[in-house]
């Protein structure tokens, strides 16, 4: 997730999406607790931001 956010800030949406895909996979292993929900919410917010910025999906 952090790498995806860094790539997004650097203007590299393809790299950001690659790391978001990996983060989504890892987030599936998190518990359905407050921490897991915060991580999944952060992933969704970054996906929305990338979509709004017009980045292309790999």
PDB file of N, CA and C in Angstrom:
ATOM      1  N   UNK A   1       0.821  -1.186   0.000  1.00  0.00           N
ATOM      2  CA  UNK A   1       0.000   0.000   0.000  1.00  0.00           C
ATOM      3  C   UNK A   1       0.869   1.256   0.000  1.00  0.00           C
ATOM      4  N   UNK A   2       1.885   1.265   0.840  1.00  0.00           N
ATOM      5  CA  UNK A   2       2.748   2.452   0.907  1.00  0.00           C
ATOM      6  C   UNK A   2       3.492   2.687  -0.395  1.00  0.00           C
ATOM      7  N   UNK A   3       3.986   1.616  -1.010  1.00  0.00           N
ATOM      8  CA  UNK A   3       4.669   1.783  -2.298  1.00  0.00           C
ATOM      9  C   UNK A   3       3.704   2.302  -3.351  1.00  0.00           C
ATOM     10  N   UNK A   4       2.483   1.804  -3.354  1.00  0.00           N
ATOM     11  CA  UNK A   4       1.480   2.279  -4.311  1.00  0.00           C
ATOM     12  C   UNK A   4       1.246   3.773  -4.127  1.00  0.00           C
ATOM     13  N   UNK A   5       1.115   4.218  -2.898  1.00  0.00           N
ATOM     14  CA  UNK A   5       0.890   5.636  -2.625  1.00  0.00           C
ATOM     15  C   UNK A   5       2.096   6.471  -3.063  1.00  0.00           C
ATOM     16  N   UNK A   6       3.290   5.950  -2.832  1.00  0.00           N
ATOM     17  CA  UNK A   6       4.495   6.675  -3.263  1.00  0.00           C
ATOM     18  C   UNK A   6       4.548   6.810  -4.775  1.00  0.00           C
ATOM     19  N   UNK A   7       4.261   5.715  -5.481  1.00  0.00           N
ATOM     20  CA  UNK A   7       4.258   5.785  -6.937  1.00  0.00           C
ATOM     21  C   UNK A   7       3.189   6.744  -7.450  1.00  0.00           C
ATOM     22  N   UNK A   8       2.056   6.771  -6.806  1.00  0.00           N
ATOM     23  CA  UNK A   8       0.994   7.705  -7.213  1.00  0.00           C
ATOM     24  C   UNK A   8       1.485   9.145  -7.058  1.00  0.00           C
ATOM     25  N   UNK A   9       2.168   9.435  -5.941  1.00  0.00           N
ATOM     26  CA  UNK A   9       2.685  10.784  -5.721  1.00  0.00           C
ATOM     27  C   UNK A   9       3.750  11.161  -6.745  1.00  0.00           C
ATOM     28  N   UNK A  10       4.478  10.161  -7.233  1.00  0.00           N
ATOM     29  CA  UNK A  10       5.529  10.412  -8.223  1.00  0.00           C
ATOM     30  C   UNK A  10       4.982  10.496  -9.639  1.00  0.00           C
ATOM     31  N   UNK A  11       3.660  10.344  -9.779  1.00  0.00           N
ATOM     32  CA  UNK A  11       3.063  10.424 -11.107  1.00  0.00           C
ATOM     33  C   UNK A  11       3.262   9.168 -11.933  1.00  0.00           C
ATOM     34  N   UNK A  12       3.362   8.027 -11.278  1.00  0.00           N
ATOM     35  CA  UNK A  12       3.553   6.750 -11.969  1.00  0.00           C
ATOM     36  C   UNK A  12       2.361   5.839 -11.687  1.00  0.00           C
ATOM     37  N   UNK A  13       1.215   6.113 -12.321  1.00  0.00           N
ATOM     38  CA  UNK A  13      -0.009   5.373 -12.006  1.00  0.00           C
ATOM     39  C   UNK A  13       0.060   3.884 -12.327  1.00  0.00           C
ATOM     40  N   UNK A  14       0.790   3.483 -13.360  1.00  0.00           N
ATOM     41  CA  UNK A  14       0.877   2.056 -13.674  1.00  0.00           C
ATOM     42  C   UNK A  14       1.596   1.294 -12.559  1.00  0.00           C
ATOM     43  N   UNK A  15       2.679   1.856 -12.078  1.00  0.00           N
ATOM     44  CA  UNK A  15       3.402   1.220 -10.970  1.00  0.00           C
ATOM     45  C   UNK A  15       2.542   1.240  -9.709  1.00  0.00           C
ATOM     46  N   UNK A  16       1.823   2.322  -9.493  1.00  0.00           N
ATOM     47  CA  UNK A  16       0.939   2.413  -8.330  1.00  0.00           C
ATOM     48  C   UNK A  16      -0.124   1.323  -8.388  1.00  0.00           C
ATOM     49  N   UNK A  17      -0.712   1.108  -9.548  1.00  0.00           N
ATOM     50  CA  UNK A  17      -1.747   0.075  -9.696  1.00  0.00           C
ATOM     51  C   UNK A  17      -1.188  -1.331  -9.481  1.00  0.00           C
ATOM     52  N   UNK A  18       0.030  -1.558  -9.934  1.00  0.00           N
ATOM     53  CA  UNK A  18       0.658  -2.858  -9.712  1.00  0.00           C
ATOM     54  C   UNK A  18       0.773  -3.145  -8.220  1.00  0.00           C
ATOM     55  N   UNK A  19       1.226  -2.153  -7.464  1.00  0.00           N
ATOM     56  CA  UNK A  19       1.389  -2.346  -6.026  1.00  0.00           C
ATOM     57  C   UNK A  19       0.046  -2.351  -5.300  1.00  0.00           C
ATOM     58  N   UNK A  20      -0.934  -1.654  -5.828  1.00  0.00           N
ATOM     59  CA  UNK A  20      -2.282  -1.739  -5.245  1.00  0.00           C
ATOM     60  C   UNK A  20      -2.846  -3.138  -5.407  1.00  0.00           C
ATOM     61  N   UNK A  21      -2.611  -3.743  -6.556  1.00  0.00           N
ATOM     62  CA  UNK A  21      -3.069  -5.114  -6.795  1.00  0.00           C
ATOM     63  C   UNK A  21      -2.452  -6.055  -5.752  1.00  0.00           C
ATOM     64  N   UNK A  22      -1.170  -5.890  -5.490  1.00  0.00           N
ATOM     65  CA  UNK A  22      -0.492  -6.704  -4.476  1.00  0.00           C
ATOM     66  C   UNK A  22      -1.037  -6.411  -3.082  1.00  0.00           C
ATOM     67  N   UNK A  23      -1.302  -5.146  -2.808  1.00  0.00           N
ATOM     68  CA  UNK A  23      -1.836  -4.763  -1.494  1.00  0.00           C
ATOM     69  C   UNK A  23      -3.222  -5.366  -1.277  1.00  0.00           C
ATOM     70  N   UNK A  24      -4.059  -5.361  -2.331  1.00  0.00           N
ATOM     71  CA  UNK A  24      -5.389  -5.975  -2.205  1.00  0.00           C
ATOM     72  C   UNK A  24      -5.277  -7.449  -1.849  1.00  0.00           C
ATOM     73  N   UNK A  25      -4.341  -8.138  -2.487  1.00  0.00           N
ATOM     74  CA  UNK A  25      -4.138  -9.556  -2.177  1.00  0.00           C
ATOM     75  C   UNK A  25      -3.709  -9.762  -0.735  1.00  0.00           C
ATOM     76  N   UNK A  26      -2.784  -8.949  -0.287  1.00  0.00           N
ATOM     77  CA  UNK A  26      -2.315  -9.064   1.096  1.00  0.00           C
ATOM     78  C   UNK A  26      -3.406  -8.673   2.087  1.00  0.00           C
ATOM     79  N   UNK A  27      -4.233  -7.707   1.727  1.00  0.00           N
ATOM     80  CA  UNK A  27      -5.284  -7.234   2.639  1.00  0.00           C
ATOM     81  C   UNK A  27      -6.331  -8.312   2.894  1.00  0.00           C
ATOM     82  N   UNK A  28      -6.455  -9.263   1.972  1.00  0.00           N
ATOM     83  CA  UNK A  28      -7.416 -10.358   2.178  1.00  0.00           C
ATOM     84  C   UNK A  28      -7.062 -11.205   3.386  1.00  0.00           C
ATOM     85  N   UNK A  29      -5.798 -11.195   3.768  1.00  0.00           N
ATOM     86  CA  UNK A  29      -5.373 -12.007   4.909  1.00  0.00           C
ATOM     87  C   UNK A  29      -5.577 -11.292   6.240  1.00  0.00           C
ATOM     88  N   UNK A  30      -5.912 -10.006   6.198  1.00  0.00           N
ATOM     89  CA  UNK A  30      -6.119  -9.242   7.433  1.00  0.00           C
ATOM     90  C   UNK A  30      -7.462  -9.601   8.058  1.00  0.00           C
ATOM     91  N   UNK A  31      -7.510  -9.504   9.352  1.00  0.00           N
ATOM     92  CA  UNK A  31      -8.751  -9.779  10.078  1.00  0.00           C
ATOM     93  C   UNK A  31      -9.798  -8.721   9.761  1.00  0.00           C
ATOM     94  N   UNK A  32     -11.034  -9.047  10.020  1.00  0.00           N
ATOM     95  CA  UNK A  32     -12.133  -8.091   9.852  1.00  0.00           C
ATOM     96  C   UNK A  32     -12.262  -7.244  11.115  1.00  0.00           C
ATOM     97  N   UNK A  33     -11.185  -6.568  11.433  1.00  0.00           N
ATOM     98  CA  UNK A  33     -11.187  -5.694  12.597  1.00  0.00           C
ATOM     99  C   UNK A  33     -10.931  -4.261  12.142  1.00  0.00           C
ATOM    100  N   UNK A  34     -10.748  -3.383  13.083  1.00  0.00           N
ATOM    101  CA  UNK A  34     -10.573  -1.969  12.770  1.00  0.00           C
ATOM    102  C   UNK A  34      -9.343  -1.724  11.900  1.00  0.00           C
ATOM    103  N   UNK A  35      -8.236  -2.386  12.217  1.00  0.00           N
ATOM    104  CA  UNK A  35      -7.009  -2.201  11.434  1.00  0.00           C
ATOM    105  C   UNK A  35      -7.202  -2.690   9.994  1.00  0.00           C
ATOM    106  N   UNK A  36      -7.710  -3.892   9.836  1.00  0.00           N
ATOM    107  CA  UNK A  36      -7.926  -4.436   8.500  1.00  0.00           C
ATOM    108  C   UNK A  36      -8.848  -3.560   7.673  1.00  0.00           C
ATOM    109  N   UNK A  37      -9.882  -3.053   8.298  1.00  0.00           N
ATOM    110  CA  UNK A  37     -10.825  -2.187   7.588  1.00  0.00           C
ATOM    111  C   UNK A  37     -10.157  -0.880   7.175  1.00  0.00           C
ATOM    112  N   UNK A  38      -9.306  -0.330   8.031  1.00  0.00           N
ATOM    113  CA  UNK A  38      -8.596   0.911   7.674  1.00  0.00           C
ATOM    114  C   UNK A  38      -7.674   0.696   6.484  1.00  0.00           C
ATOM    115  N   UNK A  39      -6.984  -0.437   6.458  1.00  0.00           N
ATOM    116  CA  UNK A  39      -6.092  -0.726   5.334  1.00  0.00           C
ATOM    117  C   UNK A  39      -6.906  -0.879   4.053  1.00  0.00           C
ATOM    118  N   UNK A  40      -7.999  -1.640   4.103  1.00  0.00           N
ATOM    119  CA  UNK A  40      -8.832  -1.821   2.909  1.00  0.00           C
ATOM    120  C   UNK A  40      -9.445  -0.503   2.451  1.00  0.00           C
ATOM    121  N   UNK A  41      -9.834   0.343   3.388  1.00  0.00           N
ATOM    122  CA  UNK A  41     -10.362   1.666   3.028  1.00  0.00           C
ATOM    123  C   UNK A  41      -9.295   2.519   2.340  1.00  0.00           C
ATOM    124  N   UNK A  42      -8.078   2.460   2.837  1.00  0.00           N
ATOM    125  CA  UNK A  42      -6.984   3.232   2.221  1.00  0.00           C
ATOM    126  C   UNK A  42      -6.730   2.753   0.795  1.00  0.00           C
ATOM    127  N   UNK A  43      -6.803   1.453   0.582  1.00  0.00           N
ATOM    128  CA  UNK A  43      -6.627   0.908  -0.766  1.00  0.00           C
ATOM    129  C   UNK A  43      -7.729   1.423  -1.680  1.00  0.00           C
ATOM    130  N   UNK A  44      -8.966   1.382  -1.211  1.00  0.00           N
ATOM    131  CA  UNK A  44     -10.090   1.873  -2.028  1.00  0.00           C
ATOM    132  C   UNK A  44      -9.940   3.364  -2.351  1.00  0.00           C
ATOM    133  N   UNK A  45      -9.534   4.153  -1.368  1.00  0.00           N
ATOM    134  CA  UNK A  45      -9.369   5.591  -1.607  1.00  0.00           C
ATOM    135  C   UNK A  45      -8.298   5.865  -2.660  1.00  0.00           C
ATOM    136  N   UNK A  46      -7.201   5.128  -2.598  1.00  0.00           N
ATOM    137  CA  UNK A  46      -6.142   5.332  -3.583  1.00  0.00           C
ATOM    138  C   UNK A  46      -6.607   4.878  -4.965  1.00  0.00           C
ATOM    139  N   UNK A  47      -7.357   3.792  -5.042  1.00  0.00           N
ATOM    140  CA  UNK A  47      -7.907   3.359  -6.331  1.00  0.00           C
ATOM    141  C   UNK A  47      -8.801   4.444  -6.930  1.00  0.00           C
ATOM    142  N   UNK A  48      -9.636   5.032  -6.114  1.00  0.00           N
ATOM    143  CA  UNK A  48     -10.532   6.100  -6.580  1.00  0.00           C
ATOM    144  C   UNK A  48      -9.713   7.287  -7.075  1.00  0.00           C
ATOM    145  N   UNK A  49      -8.695   7.651  -6.303  1.00  0.00           N
ATOM    146  CA  UNK A  49      -7.850   8.788  -6.699  1.00  0.00           C
ATOM    147  C   UNK A  49      -7.160   8.524  -8.035  1.00  0.00           C
ATOM    148  N   UNK A  50      -6.659   7.312  -8.219  1.00  0.00           N
ATOM    149  CA  UNK A  50      -6.007   6.983  -9.492  1.00  0.00           C
ATOM    150  C   UNK A  50      -7.008   7.009 -10.635  1.00  0.00           C
ATOM    151  N   UNK A  51      -8.219   6.522 -10.397  1.00  0.00           N
ATOM    152  CA  UNK A  51      -9.259   6.556 -11.432  1.00  0.00           C
ATOM    153  C   UNK A  51      -9.615   7.992 -11.798  1.00  0.00           C
ATOM    154  N   UNK A  52      -9.709   8.856 -10.803  1.00  0.00           N
ATOM    155  CA  UNK A  52     -10.056  10.256 -11.053  1.00  0.00           C
ATOM    156  C   UNK A  52      -8.945  10.984 -11.789  1.00  0.00           C
ATOM    157  N   UNK A  53      -7.695  10.563 -11.544  1.00  0.00           N
ATOM    158  CA  UNK A  53      -6.555  11.195 -12.210  1.00  0.00           C
ATOM    159  C   UNK A  53      -6.367  10.694 -13.632  1.00  0.00           C
ATOM    160  N   UNK A  54      -7.154   9.687 -14.040  1.00  0.00           N
ATOM    161  CA  UNK A  54      -7.103   9.210 -15.415  1.00  0.00           C
ATOM    162  C   UNK A  54      -5.998   8.235 -15.721  1.00  0.00           C
ATOM    163  N   UNK A  55      -5.394   7.619 -14.696  1.00  0.00           N
ATOM    164  CA  UNK A  55      -4.364   6.622 -14.948  1.00  0.00           C
ATOM    165  C   UNK A  55      -4.951   5.387 -15.609  1.00  0.00           C
ATOM    166  N   UNK A  56      -4.137   4.700 -16.384  1.00  0.00           N
ATOM    167  CA  UNK A  56      -4.598   3.500 -17.085  1.00  0.00           C
ATOM    168  C   UNK A  56      -4.357   2.270 -16.219  1.00  0.00           C
ATOM    169  N   UNK A  57      -5.289   1.341 -16.262  1.00  0.00           N
ATOM    170  CA  UNK A  57      -5.126   0.082 -15.532  1.00  0.00           C
ATOM    171  C   UNK A  57      -4.253  -0.867 -16.338  1.00  0.00           C
ATOM    172  N   UNK A  58      -3.384  -1.617 -15.626  1.00  0.00           N
ATOM    173  CA  UNK A  58      -2.539  -2.587 -16.355  1.00  0.00           C
ATOM    174  C   UNK A  58      -3.367  -3.749 -16.864  1.00  0.00           C
TER     175      UNK A  58
END
